[in-house]
Amino acid sequence: MLSTIAAAAGRILISEPFMMDPNFKRSVILLTEYAESGAVGFVLNHQSEYLLGDILPDTAYSEMPVYVGGPVALNTLHFIHCVPEKIEGGIEITGGLYWGGDFEQVKQLMSSYQLQASEIKFFTGYSGWTPDQLDGELRDNAWIVTDKFETETLFSNTEEVNLWKQAVINLGQRYAHIANFPENPELN
């Protein structure tokens, strides 16, 4: 097993370099829930074709990117944030990082420009695993689990591949060489 730490809410999943599933190819996923009933997370580095203004017309932050959180329930909108003092009702995932909250409050904060793009990130859909499914994928080395990340990195608009590469490099020397693997080894 590649991972040296266990999966848990608040940890990051990094896809193995040759994963071919387009939903998770070179993905960095924030796990927001991990329990016997299954797991939930959001892909941090797959930007959708939509901007926030496409989904929420008349929003003050119409140019803010929206990410594809995963292939489940793509008709739903989710968010993570790091400002519980501004957005009530969120679920703390890990120190200072929250999932969801009062959406009316979010809209009000956005319309009055009291919320920064570096404080919130939006997703359509989510990534979900049934009981034991993620554990099986971890045993098959499809993912590496880490808790080595800076919260501000989660809210950056870093290009998709660059965030994956940076996440791999942050794992340390043992994994650093993986960051330079070609996406398709047959083209090497």
N, C-alpha and C. Protein backbone atom coordinates (compact mmCIF):
# COMPACT_ATOMS: atom_id res chain seq x y z
N MET A 1 0.85 -1.18 0.00
CA MET A 1 0.00 0.00 0.00
C MET A 1 0.89 1.24 0.00
N LEU A 2 0.62 2.18 -0.92
CA LEU A 2 1.42 3.38 -1.04
C LEU A 2 1.24 4.34 0.14
N SER A 3 0.02 4.42 0.65
CA SER A 3 -0.27 5.37 1.72
C SER A 3 0.31 4.89 3.05
N THR A 4 0.90 5.83 3.75
CA THR A 4 1.44 5.51 5.07
C THR A 4 0.52 5.99 6.18
N ILE A 5 -0.51 6.78 5.83
CA ILE A 5 -1.50 7.21 6.82
C ILE A 5 -2.89 6.81 6.34
N ALA A 6 -3.81 6.69 7.26
CA ALA A 6 -5.16 6.24 6.94
C ALA A 6 -6.01 7.39 6.40
N ALA A 7 -7.01 7.03 5.61
CA ALA A 7 -7.97 8.01 5.13
C ALA A 7 -8.79 8.52 6.31
N ALA A 8 -9.17 9.79 6.27
CA ALA A 8 -9.99 10.40 7.30
C ALA A 8 -10.51 11.74 6.76
N ALA A 9 -11.58 12.22 7.33
CA ALA A 9 -12.08 13.54 6.96
C ALA A 9 -10.98 14.57 7.22
N GLY A 10 -10.82 15.48 6.29
CA GLY A 10 -9.80 16.51 6.43
C GLY A 10 -8.46 16.14 5.80
N ARG A 11 -8.37 14.94 5.26
CA ARG A 11 -7.15 14.52 4.58
C ARG A 11 -7.34 14.62 3.06
N ILE A 12 -6.24 14.55 2.37
CA ILE A 12 -6.23 14.69 0.91
C ILE A 12 -5.95 13.34 0.27
N LEU A 13 -6.66 13.06 -0.82
CA LEU A 13 -6.38 11.90 -1.66
C LEU A 13 -5.69 12.41 -2.92
N ILE A 14 -4.60 11.76 -3.29
CA ILE A 14 -3.89 12.11 -4.52
C ILE A 14 -3.95 10.88 -5.42
N SER A 15 -4.48 11.05 -6.62
CA SER A 15 -4.62 9.90 -7.51
C SER A 15 -3.27 9.41 -8.00
N GLU A 16 -3.19 8.10 -8.24
CA GLU A 16 -1.96 7.53 -8.78
C GLU A 16 -1.76 8.12 -10.18
N PRO A 17 -0.53 8.19 -10.66
CA PRO A 17 -0.25 8.95 -11.89
C PRO A 17 -0.87 8.41 -13.16
N PHE A 18 -1.24 7.13 -13.20
CA PHE A 18 -1.76 6.56 -14.44
C PHE A 18 -3.25 6.25 -14.39
N MET A 19 -3.95 6.81 -13.41
CA MET A 19 -5.39 6.60 -13.32
C MET A 19 -6.04 7.13 -14.60
N MET A 20 -6.79 6.29 -15.26
CA MET A 20 -7.38 6.67 -16.54
C MET A 20 -8.82 7.18 -16.44
N ASP A 21 -9.48 6.96 -15.33
CA ASP A 21 -10.84 7.46 -15.16
C ASP A 21 -10.81 8.98 -15.28
N PRO A 22 -11.47 9.56 -16.29
CA PRO A 22 -11.40 11.01 -16.49
C PRO A 22 -11.94 11.82 -15.31
N ASN A 23 -12.79 11.22 -14.49
CA ASN A 23 -13.31 11.92 -13.31
C ASN A 23 -12.23 12.14 -12.26
N PHE A 24 -11.20 11.29 -12.28
CA PHE A 24 -10.21 11.34 -11.21
C PHE A 24 -8.77 11.38 -11.72
N LYS A 25 -8.58 11.54 -13.01
CA LYS A 25 -7.23 11.58 -13.58
C LYS A 25 -6.45 12.75 -12.98
N ARG A 26 -5.31 12.42 -12.38
CA ARG A 26 -4.43 13.41 -11.73
C ARG A 26 -5.22 14.33 -10.79
N SER A 27 -6.03 13.71 -9.95
CA SER A 27 -6.90 14.45 -9.03
C SER A 27 -6.29 14.64 -7.66
N VAL A 28 -6.69 15.72 -7.04
CA VAL A 28 -6.40 16.00 -5.64
C VAL A 28 -7.77 16.20 -5.00
N ILE A 29 -8.12 15.32 -4.05
CA ILE A 29 -9.46 15.33 -3.46
C ILE A 29 -9.38 15.61 -1.97
N LEU A 30 -10.19 16.54 -1.51
CA LEU A 30 -10.34 16.81 -0.09
C LEU A 30 -11.45 15.89 0.43
N LEU A 31 -11.11 15.01 1.37
CA LEU A 31 -12.12 14.17 2.00
C LEU A 31 -12.86 15.00 3.06
N THR A 32 -14.17 15.08 2.92
CA THR A 32 -14.97 15.84 3.89
C THR A 32 -15.70 14.92 4.85
N GLU A 33 -15.84 13.66 4.46
CA GLU A 33 -16.51 12.69 5.32
C GLU A 33 -15.89 11.32 5.07
N TYR A 34 -15.62 10.60 6.15
CA TYR A 34 -15.08 9.24 6.04
C TYR A 34 -15.62 8.45 7.23
N ALA A 35 -16.47 7.47 6.94
CA ALA A 35 -17.14 6.71 8.00
C ALA A 35 -17.44 5.31 7.48
N GLU A 36 -17.98 4.47 8.36
CA GLU A 36 -18.38 3.12 7.94
C GLU A 36 -19.42 3.16 6.82
N SER A 37 -20.21 4.22 6.78
CA SER A 37 -21.26 4.34 5.76
C SER A 37 -20.72 4.76 4.40
N GLY A 38 -19.44 5.15 4.32
CA GLY A 38 -18.83 5.55 3.05
C GLY A 38 -18.01 6.81 3.22
N ALA A 39 -17.65 7.39 2.09
CA ALA A 39 -16.81 8.59 2.10
C ALA A 39 -17.32 9.60 1.08
N VAL A 40 -17.04 10.88 1.35
CA VAL A 40 -17.42 11.99 0.48
C VAL A 40 -16.23 12.92 0.39
N GLY A 41 -16.03 13.47 -0.79
CA GLY A 41 -14.96 14.44 -0.98
C GLY A 41 -15.20 15.28 -2.21
N PHE A 42 -14.29 16.23 -2.44
CA PHE A 42 -14.39 17.15 -3.57
C PHE A 42 -13.06 17.22 -4.30
N VAL A 43 -13.11 17.07 -5.62
CA VAL A 43 -11.92 17.21 -6.45
C VAL A 43 -11.56 18.69 -6.48
N LEU A 44 -10.36 19.01 -6.04
CA LEU A 44 -9.94 20.40 -5.91
C LEU A 44 -9.38 21.00 -7.20
N ASN A 45 -9.00 20.15 -8.14
CA ASN A 45 -8.25 20.67 -9.28
C ASN A 45 -8.86 20.36 -10.65
N HIS A 46 -10.15 20.08 -10.71
CA HIS A 46 -10.81 19.90 -12.00
C HIS A 46 -11.83 21.02 -12.17
N GLN A 47 -11.40 22.09 -12.80
CA GLN A 47 -12.28 23.24 -13.01
C GLN A 47 -13.34 22.88 -14.04
N SER A 48 -14.58 23.26 -13.76
CA SER A 48 -15.67 22.99 -14.69
C SER A 48 -15.65 24.04 -15.79
N GLU A 49 -16.55 23.90 -16.73
CA GLU A 49 -16.67 24.89 -17.81
C GLU A 49 -17.49 26.10 -17.34
N TYR A 50 -18.00 26.04 -16.13
CA TYR A 50 -18.87 27.09 -15.62
C TYR A 50 -18.13 28.05 -14.69
N LEU A 51 -18.62 29.28 -14.72
CA LEU A 51 -18.23 30.27 -13.72
C LEU A 51 -19.41 30.43 -12.78
N LEU A 52 -19.18 30.98 -11.62
CA LEU A 52 -20.25 31.11 -10.63
C LEU A 52 -21.45 31.87 -11.19
N GLY A 53 -21.20 32.86 -12.02
CA GLY A 53 -22.29 33.63 -12.62
C GLY A 53 -23.18 32.81 -13.54
N ASP A 54 -22.65 31.73 -14.10
CA ASP A 54 -23.47 30.84 -14.94
C ASP A 54 -24.47 30.07 -14.10
N ILE A 55 -24.11 29.80 -12.85
CA ILE A 55 -24.96 29.00 -11.96
C ILE A 55 -25.83 29.88 -11.08
N LEU A 56 -25.24 30.99 -10.62
CA LEU A 56 -25.96 31.95 -9.78
C LEU A 56 -25.98 33.30 -10.49
N PRO A 57 -26.93 33.51 -11.38
CA PRO A 57 -26.98 34.81 -12.07
C PRO A 57 -27.10 35.95 -11.06
N ASP A 58 -26.58 37.07 -11.43
CA ASP A 58 -26.62 38.28 -10.60
C ASP A 58 -25.72 38.20 -9.37
N THR A 59 -24.78 37.28 -9.37
CA THR A 59 -23.85 37.22 -8.24
C THR A 59 -22.72 38.23 -8.45
N ALA A 60 -22.23 38.76 -7.36
CA ALA A 60 -21.14 39.74 -7.43
C ALA A 60 -19.83 39.12 -7.90
N TYR A 61 -19.68 37.83 -7.74
CA TYR A 61 -18.45 37.13 -8.10
C TYR A 61 -18.68 36.25 -9.32
N SER A 62 -19.24 36.82 -10.37
CA SER A 62 -19.65 36.03 -11.53
C SER A 62 -18.49 35.35 -12.24
N GLU A 63 -17.26 35.84 -12.09
CA GLU A 63 -16.10 35.27 -12.78
C GLU A 63 -15.37 34.21 -11.94
N MET A 64 -15.87 33.91 -10.76
CA MET A 64 -15.23 32.91 -9.90
C MET A 64 -15.40 31.53 -10.51
N PRO A 65 -14.32 30.76 -10.62
CA PRO A 65 -14.46 29.41 -11.20
C PRO A 65 -15.24 28.48 -10.29
N VAL A 66 -15.90 27.52 -10.91
CA VAL A 66 -16.61 26.46 -10.20
C VAL A 66 -15.92 25.16 -10.59
N TYR A 67 -15.66 24.31 -9.64
CA TYR A 67 -14.94 23.06 -9.87
C TYR A 67 -15.90 21.88 -9.91
N VAL A 68 -15.49 20.82 -10.61
CA VAL A 68 -16.27 19.58 -10.62
C VAL A 68 -15.82 18.79 -9.40
N GLY A 69 -16.67 18.72 -8.41
CA GLY A 69 -16.32 18.04 -7.17
C GLY A 69 -16.24 16.53 -7.31
N GLY A 70 -16.84 16.01 -8.36
CA GLY A 70 -16.85 14.58 -8.62
C GLY A 70 -18.04 14.23 -9.48
N PRO A 71 -18.18 12.96 -9.83
CA PRO A 71 -19.22 12.56 -10.78
C PRO A 71 -20.61 12.34 -10.18
N VAL A 72 -20.78 12.51 -8.87
CA VAL A 72 -22.06 12.25 -8.22
C VAL A 72 -22.85 13.56 -8.09
N ALA A 73 -24.12 13.52 -8.45
CA ALA A 73 -25.05 14.65 -8.27
C ALA A 73 -24.48 15.96 -8.84
N LEU A 74 -24.17 15.94 -10.12
CA LEU A 74 -23.59 17.12 -10.77
C LEU A 74 -24.53 18.32 -10.81
N ASN A 75 -25.79 18.10 -10.49
CA ASN A 75 -26.76 19.20 -10.48
C ASN A 75 -26.84 19.87 -9.10
N THR A 76 -25.89 19.57 -8.22
CA THR A 76 -25.87 20.19 -6.89
C THR A 76 -24.67 21.11 -6.76
N LEU A 77 -24.79 22.12 -5.92
CA LEU A 77 -23.71 23.07 -5.68
C LEU A 77 -23.27 22.95 -4.22
N HIS A 78 -21.96 22.82 -4.03
CA HIS A 78 -21.37 22.66 -2.70
C HIS A 78 -20.27 23.69 -2.54
N PHE A 79 -19.85 23.92 -1.29
CA PHE A 79 -18.72 24.82 -1.09
C PHE A 79 -17.96 24.45 0.18
N ILE A 80 -16.68 24.79 0.15
CA ILE A 80 -15.83 24.72 1.34
C ILE A 80 -15.37 26.15 1.61
N HIS A 81 -15.03 26.42 2.86
CA HIS A 81 -14.58 27.77 3.21
C HIS A 81 -13.70 27.73 4.45
N CYS A 82 -13.07 28.86 4.71
CA CYS A 82 -12.19 28.97 5.89
C CYS A 82 -12.58 30.18 6.74
N VAL A 83 -13.85 30.57 6.68
CA VAL A 83 -14.31 31.75 7.42
C VAL A 83 -15.58 31.46 8.23
N PRO A 84 -15.46 30.65 9.27
CA PRO A 84 -16.65 30.33 10.07
C PRO A 84 -17.22 31.55 10.80
N GLU A 85 -16.39 32.57 10.99
CA GLU A 85 -16.88 33.79 11.62
C GLU A 85 -17.80 34.57 10.69
N LYS A 86 -17.75 34.28 9.38
CA LYS A 86 -18.63 34.93 8.41
C LYS A 86 -19.78 34.05 7.98
N ILE A 87 -19.53 32.73 7.88
CA ILE A 87 -20.53 31.79 7.38
C ILE A 87 -20.88 30.80 8.49
N GLU A 88 -22.10 30.90 8.98
CA GLU A 88 -22.55 30.01 10.07
C GLU A 88 -23.03 28.68 9.52
N GLY A 89 -23.01 27.67 10.39
CA GLY A 89 -23.62 26.38 10.08
C GLY A 89 -22.76 25.41 9.30
N GLY A 90 -21.50 25.75 9.04
CA GLY A 90 -20.64 24.83 8.33
C GLY A 90 -20.16 23.70 9.23
N ILE A 91 -19.76 22.60 8.61
CA ILE A 91 -19.22 21.46 9.34
C ILE A 91 -17.70 21.55 9.28
N GLU A 92 -17.05 21.58 10.45
CA GLU A 92 -15.59 21.65 10.45
C GLU A 92 -15.01 20.32 10.00
N ILE A 93 -14.20 20.38 8.96
CA ILE A 93 -13.57 19.19 8.40
C ILE A 93 -12.25 18.93 9.12
N THR A 94 -11.49 19.97 9.28
CA THR A 94 -10.21 19.94 9.98
C THR A 94 -9.93 21.36 10.42
N GLY A 95 -8.90 21.57 11.21
CA GLY A 95 -8.61 22.89 11.77
C GLY A 95 -8.78 24.06 10.82
N GLY A 96 -9.85 24.81 10.98
CA GLY A 96 -10.08 26.02 10.20
C GLY A 96 -10.65 25.83 8.81
N LEU A 97 -11.04 24.63 8.47
CA LEU A 97 -11.59 24.33 7.14
C LEU A 97 -13.00 23.77 7.30
N TYR A 98 -13.97 24.35 6.59
CA TYR A 98 -15.38 24.02 6.77
C TYR A 98 -16.05 23.63 5.46
N TRP A 99 -17.06 22.77 5.58
CA TRP A 99 -17.85 22.30 4.46
C TRP A 99 -19.26 22.83 4.64
N GLY A 100 -19.73 23.60 3.65
CA GLY A 100 -21.10 24.11 3.66
C GLY A 100 -21.34 25.18 4.70
N GLY A 101 -22.61 25.46 4.91
CA GLY A 101 -23.04 26.49 5.84
C GLY A 101 -24.27 27.19 5.29
N ASP A 102 -24.60 28.31 5.89
CA ASP A 102 -25.79 29.08 5.52
C ASP A 102 -25.59 29.73 4.15
N PHE A 103 -26.24 29.16 3.14
CA PHE A 103 -26.04 29.64 1.77
C PHE A 103 -26.62 31.03 1.55
N GLU A 104 -27.70 31.37 2.23
CA GLU A 104 -28.25 32.73 2.12
C GLU A 104 -27.23 33.74 2.64
N GLN A 105 -26.53 33.37 3.70
CA GLN A 105 -25.48 34.21 4.25
C GLN A 105 -24.34 34.38 3.23
N VAL A 106 -23.98 33.30 2.55
CA VAL A 106 -22.94 33.35 1.52
C VAL A 106 -23.34 34.32 0.42
N LYS A 107 -24.56 34.21 -0.06
CA LYS A 107 -25.02 35.11 -1.13
C LYS A 107 -25.00 36.56 -0.68
N GLN A 108 -25.40 36.81 0.56
CA GLN A 108 -25.41 38.17 1.10
C GLN A 108 -23.98 38.72 1.22
N LEU A 109 -23.08 37.89 1.72
CA LEU A 109 -21.68 38.30 1.84
C LEU A 109 -21.07 38.59 0.47
N MET A 110 -21.43 37.80 -0.52
CA MET A 110 -20.91 38.01 -1.86
C MET A 110 -21.47 39.29 -2.47
N SER A 111 -22.75 39.53 -2.29
CA SER A 111 -23.35 40.73 -2.88
C SER A 111 -22.81 42.01 -2.25
N SER A 112 -22.32 41.93 -1.02
CA SER A 112 -21.74 43.11 -0.37
C SER A 112 -20.20 43.08 -0.38
N TYR A 113 -19.62 42.18 -1.17
CA TYR A 113 -18.17 42.06 -1.35
C TYR A 113 -17.42 41.87 -0.03
N GLN A 114 -18.02 41.11 0.88
CA GLN A 114 -17.39 40.83 2.17
C GLN A 114 -16.78 39.42 2.23
N LEU A 115 -16.74 38.77 1.10
CA LEU A 115 -16.19 37.42 1.01
C LEU A 115 -15.17 37.42 -0.12
N GLN A 116 -13.98 36.93 0.17
CA GLN A 116 -12.91 36.90 -0.83
C GLN A 116 -12.86 35.54 -1.53
N ALA A 117 -12.41 35.54 -2.77
CA ALA A 117 -12.28 34.29 -3.52
C ALA A 117 -11.30 33.34 -2.82
N SER A 118 -10.39 33.85 -2.05
CA SER A 118 -9.41 33.02 -1.33
C SER A 118 -10.00 32.41 -0.06
N GLU A 119 -11.29 32.66 0.22
CA GLU A 119 -11.94 32.16 1.43
C GLU A 119 -12.99 31.08 1.15
N ILE A 120 -13.32 30.88 -0.13
CA ILE A 120 -14.40 29.96 -0.47
C ILE A 120 -14.13 29.33 -1.82
N LYS A 121 -14.59 28.09 -2.00
CA LYS A 121 -14.44 27.40 -3.28
C LYS A 121 -15.73 26.62 -3.53
N PHE A 122 -16.25 26.72 -4.77
CA PHE A 122 -17.51 26.10 -5.14
C PHE A 122 -17.30 24.88 -6.03
N PHE A 123 -18.22 23.90 -5.88
CA PHE A 123 -18.15 22.66 -6.64
C PHE A 123 -19.54 22.26 -7.13
N THR A 124 -19.59 21.72 -8.34
CA THR A 124 -20.81 21.03 -8.77
C THR A 124 -20.53 19.56 -8.55
N GLY A 125 -21.47 18.87 -7.93
CA GLY A 125 -21.30 17.46 -7.65
C GLY A 125 -20.27 17.18 -6.59
N TYR A 126 -20.07 15.90 -6.34
CA TYR A 126 -19.10 15.47 -5.33
C TYR A 126 -18.60 14.08 -5.67
N SER A 127 -17.57 13.65 -4.99
CA SER A 127 -17.03 12.30 -5.11
C SER A 127 -17.56 11.49 -3.95
N GLY A 128 -18.09 10.33 -4.23
CA GLY A 128 -18.66 9.50 -3.18
C GLY A 128 -18.22 8.05 -3.31
N TRP A 129 -18.04 7.42 -2.18
CA TRP A 129 -17.64 6.01 -2.12
C TRP A 129 -18.61 5.27 -1.19
N THR A 130 -19.01 4.09 -1.58
CA THR A 130 -19.85 3.25 -0.74
C THR A 130 -19.00 2.64 0.38
N PRO A 131 -19.63 2.01 1.38
CA PRO A 131 -18.84 1.40 2.46
C PRO A 131 -17.75 0.48 1.90
N ASP A 132 -16.55 0.64 2.39
CA ASP A 132 -15.38 -0.17 2.03
C ASP A 132 -14.83 0.07 0.62
N GLN A 133 -15.53 0.82 -0.22
CA GLN A 133 -15.05 1.05 -1.59
C GLN A 133 -13.73 1.80 -1.61
N LEU A 134 -13.64 2.90 -0.87
CA LEU A 134 -12.40 3.68 -0.85
C LEU A 134 -11.27 2.86 -0.23
N ASP A 135 -11.54 2.10 0.82
CA ASP A 135 -10.51 1.26 1.42
C ASP A 135 -9.95 0.27 0.41
N GLY A 136 -10.82 -0.28 -0.42
CA GLY A 136 -10.38 -1.20 -1.47
C GLY A 136 -9.50 -0.50 -2.49
N GLU A 137 -9.88 0.71 -2.87
CA GLU A 137 -9.08 1.48 -3.82
C GLU A 137 -7.72 1.84 -3.22
N LEU A 138 -7.70 2.10 -1.93
CA LEU A 138 -6.42 2.39 -1.26
C LEU A 138 -5.53 1.14 -1.24
N ARG A 139 -6.12 -0.01 -0.98
CA ARG A 139 -5.34 -1.27 -1.02
C ARG A 139 -4.79 -1.54 -2.41
N ASP A 140 -5.53 -1.09 -3.44
CA ASP A 140 -5.10 -1.27 -4.82
C ASP A 140 -4.14 -0.17 -5.28
N ASN A 141 -3.77 0.72 -4.36
CA ASN A 141 -2.83 1.82 -4.65
C ASN A 141 -3.35 2.82 -5.67
N ALA A 142 -4.65 3.00 -5.74
CA ALA A 142 -5.22 4.01 -6.63
C ALA A 142 -5.04 5.41 -6.07
N TRP A 143 -4.86 5.52 -4.76
CA TRP A 143 -4.77 6.81 -4.09
C TRP A 143 -3.63 6.79 -3.06
N ILE A 144 -3.08 7.98 -2.84
CA ILE A 144 -2.16 8.20 -1.73
C ILE A 144 -2.86 9.18 -0.80
N VAL A 145 -2.86 8.90 0.49
CA VAL A 145 -3.49 9.78 1.47
C VAL A 145 -2.42 10.64 2.11
N THR A 146 -2.75 11.91 2.29
CA THR A 146 -1.82 12.81 2.97
C THR A 146 -2.57 13.81 3.84
N ASP A 147 -1.86 14.29 4.84
CA ASP A 147 -2.38 15.41 5.63
C ASP A 147 -1.42 16.58 5.54
N LYS A 148 -0.50 16.52 4.57
CA LYS A 148 0.48 17.58 4.35
C LYS A 148 -0.03 18.53 3.28
N PHE A 149 -0.70 19.60 3.72
CA PHE A 149 -1.17 20.62 2.79
C PHE A 149 -1.42 21.91 3.55
N GLU A 150 -1.32 22.98 2.83
CA GLU A 150 -1.63 24.30 3.39
C GLU A 150 -3.06 24.64 2.99
N THR A 151 -3.85 25.12 3.94
CA THR A 151 -5.25 25.43 3.67
C THR A 151 -5.39 26.39 2.50
N GLU A 152 -4.52 27.39 2.40
CA GLU A 152 -4.64 28.36 1.30
C GLU A 152 -4.46 27.70 -0.06
N THR A 153 -3.71 26.60 -0.12
CA THR A 153 -3.54 25.87 -1.38
C THR A 153 -4.87 25.33 -1.87
N LEU A 154 -5.74 24.93 -0.95
CA LEU A 154 -7.03 24.38 -1.33
C LEU A 154 -7.91 25.40 -2.04
N PHE A 155 -7.69 26.67 -1.76
CA PHE A 155 -8.52 27.72 -2.34
C PHE A 155 -7.86 28.41 -3.53
N SER A 156 -6.68 27.97 -3.89
CA SER A 156 -5.97 28.59 -5.01
C SER A 156 -6.59 28.12 -6.32
N ASN A 157 -6.36 28.89 -7.35
CA ASN A 157 -6.83 28.53 -8.68
C ASN A 157 -5.68 27.97 -9.50
N THR A 158 -4.79 27.24 -8.83
CA THR A 158 -3.64 26.64 -9.49
C THR A 158 -4.12 25.71 -10.59
N GLU A 159 -3.40 25.70 -11.70
CA GLU A 159 -3.78 24.82 -12.81
C GLU A 159 -3.86 23.38 -12.34
N GLU A 160 -4.75 22.63 -12.98
CA GLU A 160 -5.06 21.26 -12.56
C GLU A 160 -3.83 20.39 -12.34
N VAL A 161 -2.98 20.28 -13.35
CA VAL A 161 -1.83 19.39 -13.26
C VAL A 161 -0.82 19.92 -12.24
N ASN A 162 -0.68 21.23 -12.16
CA ASN A 162 0.28 21.80 -11.21
C ASN A 162 -0.10 21.50 -9.77
N LEU A 163 -1.38 21.53 -9.43
CA LEU A 163 -1.79 21.23 -8.07
C LEU A 163 -1.50 19.76 -7.76
N TRP A 164 -1.76 18.88 -8.71
CA TRP A 164 -1.46 17.46 -8.51
C TRP A 164 0.04 17.26 -8.32
N LYS A 165 0.85 17.88 -9.17
CA LYS A 165 2.31 17.75 -9.05
C LYS A 165 2.79 18.27 -7.71
N GLN A 166 2.28 19.43 -7.30
CA GLN A 166 2.70 20.03 -6.03
C GLN A 166 2.31 19.14 -4.86
N ALA A 167 1.13 18.56 -4.92
CA ALA A 167 0.68 17.66 -3.86
C ALA A 167 1.59 16.44 -3.76
N VAL A 168 1.99 15.90 -4.90
CA VAL A 168 2.89 14.74 -4.92
C VAL A 168 4.26 15.13 -4.36
N ILE A 169 4.79 16.24 -4.79
CA ILE A 169 6.11 16.69 -4.31
C ILE A 169 6.08 16.92 -2.80
N ASN A 170 4.96 17.45 -2.29
CA ASN A 170 4.83 17.70 -0.85
C ASN A 170 4.84 16.43 -0.01
N LEU A 171 4.64 15.28 -0.66
CA LEU A 171 4.68 14.01 0.06
C LEU A 171 6.09 13.65 0.51
N GLY A 172 7.08 14.26 -0.12
CA GLY A 172 8.47 14.00 0.27
C GLY A 172 9.24 13.24 -0.79
N GLN A 173 10.50 13.01 -0.48
CA GLN A 173 11.44 12.40 -1.41
C GLN A 173 10.97 11.05 -1.95
N ARG A 174 10.34 10.26 -1.12
CA ARG A 174 9.90 8.92 -1.52
C ARG A 174 8.98 8.96 -2.75
N TYR A 175 8.20 10.04 -2.91
CA TYR A 175 7.22 10.13 -3.98
C TYR A 175 7.56 11.17 -5.05
N ALA A 176 8.54 12.01 -4.82
CA ALA A 176 8.80 13.15 -5.69
C ALA A 176 8.95 12.77 -7.17
N HIS A 177 9.58 11.65 -7.45
CA HIS A 177 9.79 11.24 -8.84
C HIS A 177 8.47 11.00 -9.58
N ILE A 178 7.41 10.67 -8.85
CA ILE A 178 6.11 10.41 -9.46
C ILE A 178 5.56 11.66 -10.15
N ALA A 179 5.89 12.82 -9.62
CA ALA A 179 5.36 14.08 -10.15
C ALA A 179 5.72 14.29 -11.62
N ASN A 180 6.81 13.68 -12.08
CA ASN A 180 7.24 13.86 -13.45
C ASN A 180 6.86 12.72 -14.38
N PHE A 181 6.12 11.74 -13.88
CA PHE A 181 5.66 10.65 -14.75
C PHE A 181 4.77 11.23 -15.85
N PRO A 182 4.90 10.75 -17.07
CA PRO A 182 3.98 11.22 -18.14
C PRO A 182 2.57 10.72 -17.87
N GLU A 183 1.59 11.45 -18.35
CA GLU A 183 0.19 11.03 -18.16
C GLU A 183 -0.08 9.70 -18.86
N ASN A 184 0.51 9.51 -20.02
CA ASN A 184 0.35 8.26 -20.74
C ASN A 184 1.73 7.67 -20.96
N PRO A 185 2.09 6.62 -20.24
CA PRO A 185 3.45 6.06 -20.34
C PRO A 185 3.77 5.51 -21.73
N GLU A 186 2.77 5.20 -22.54
CA GLU A 186 3.00 4.71 -23.89
C GLU A 186 3.56 5.80 -24.80
N LEU A 187 3.38 7.07 -24.42
CA LEU A 187 3.88 8.18 -25.22
C LEU A 187 5.27 8.63 -24.77
N ASN A 188 5.83 7.93 -23.83
CA ASN A 188 7.14 8.30 -23.29
C ASN A 188 8.25 7.87 -24.22
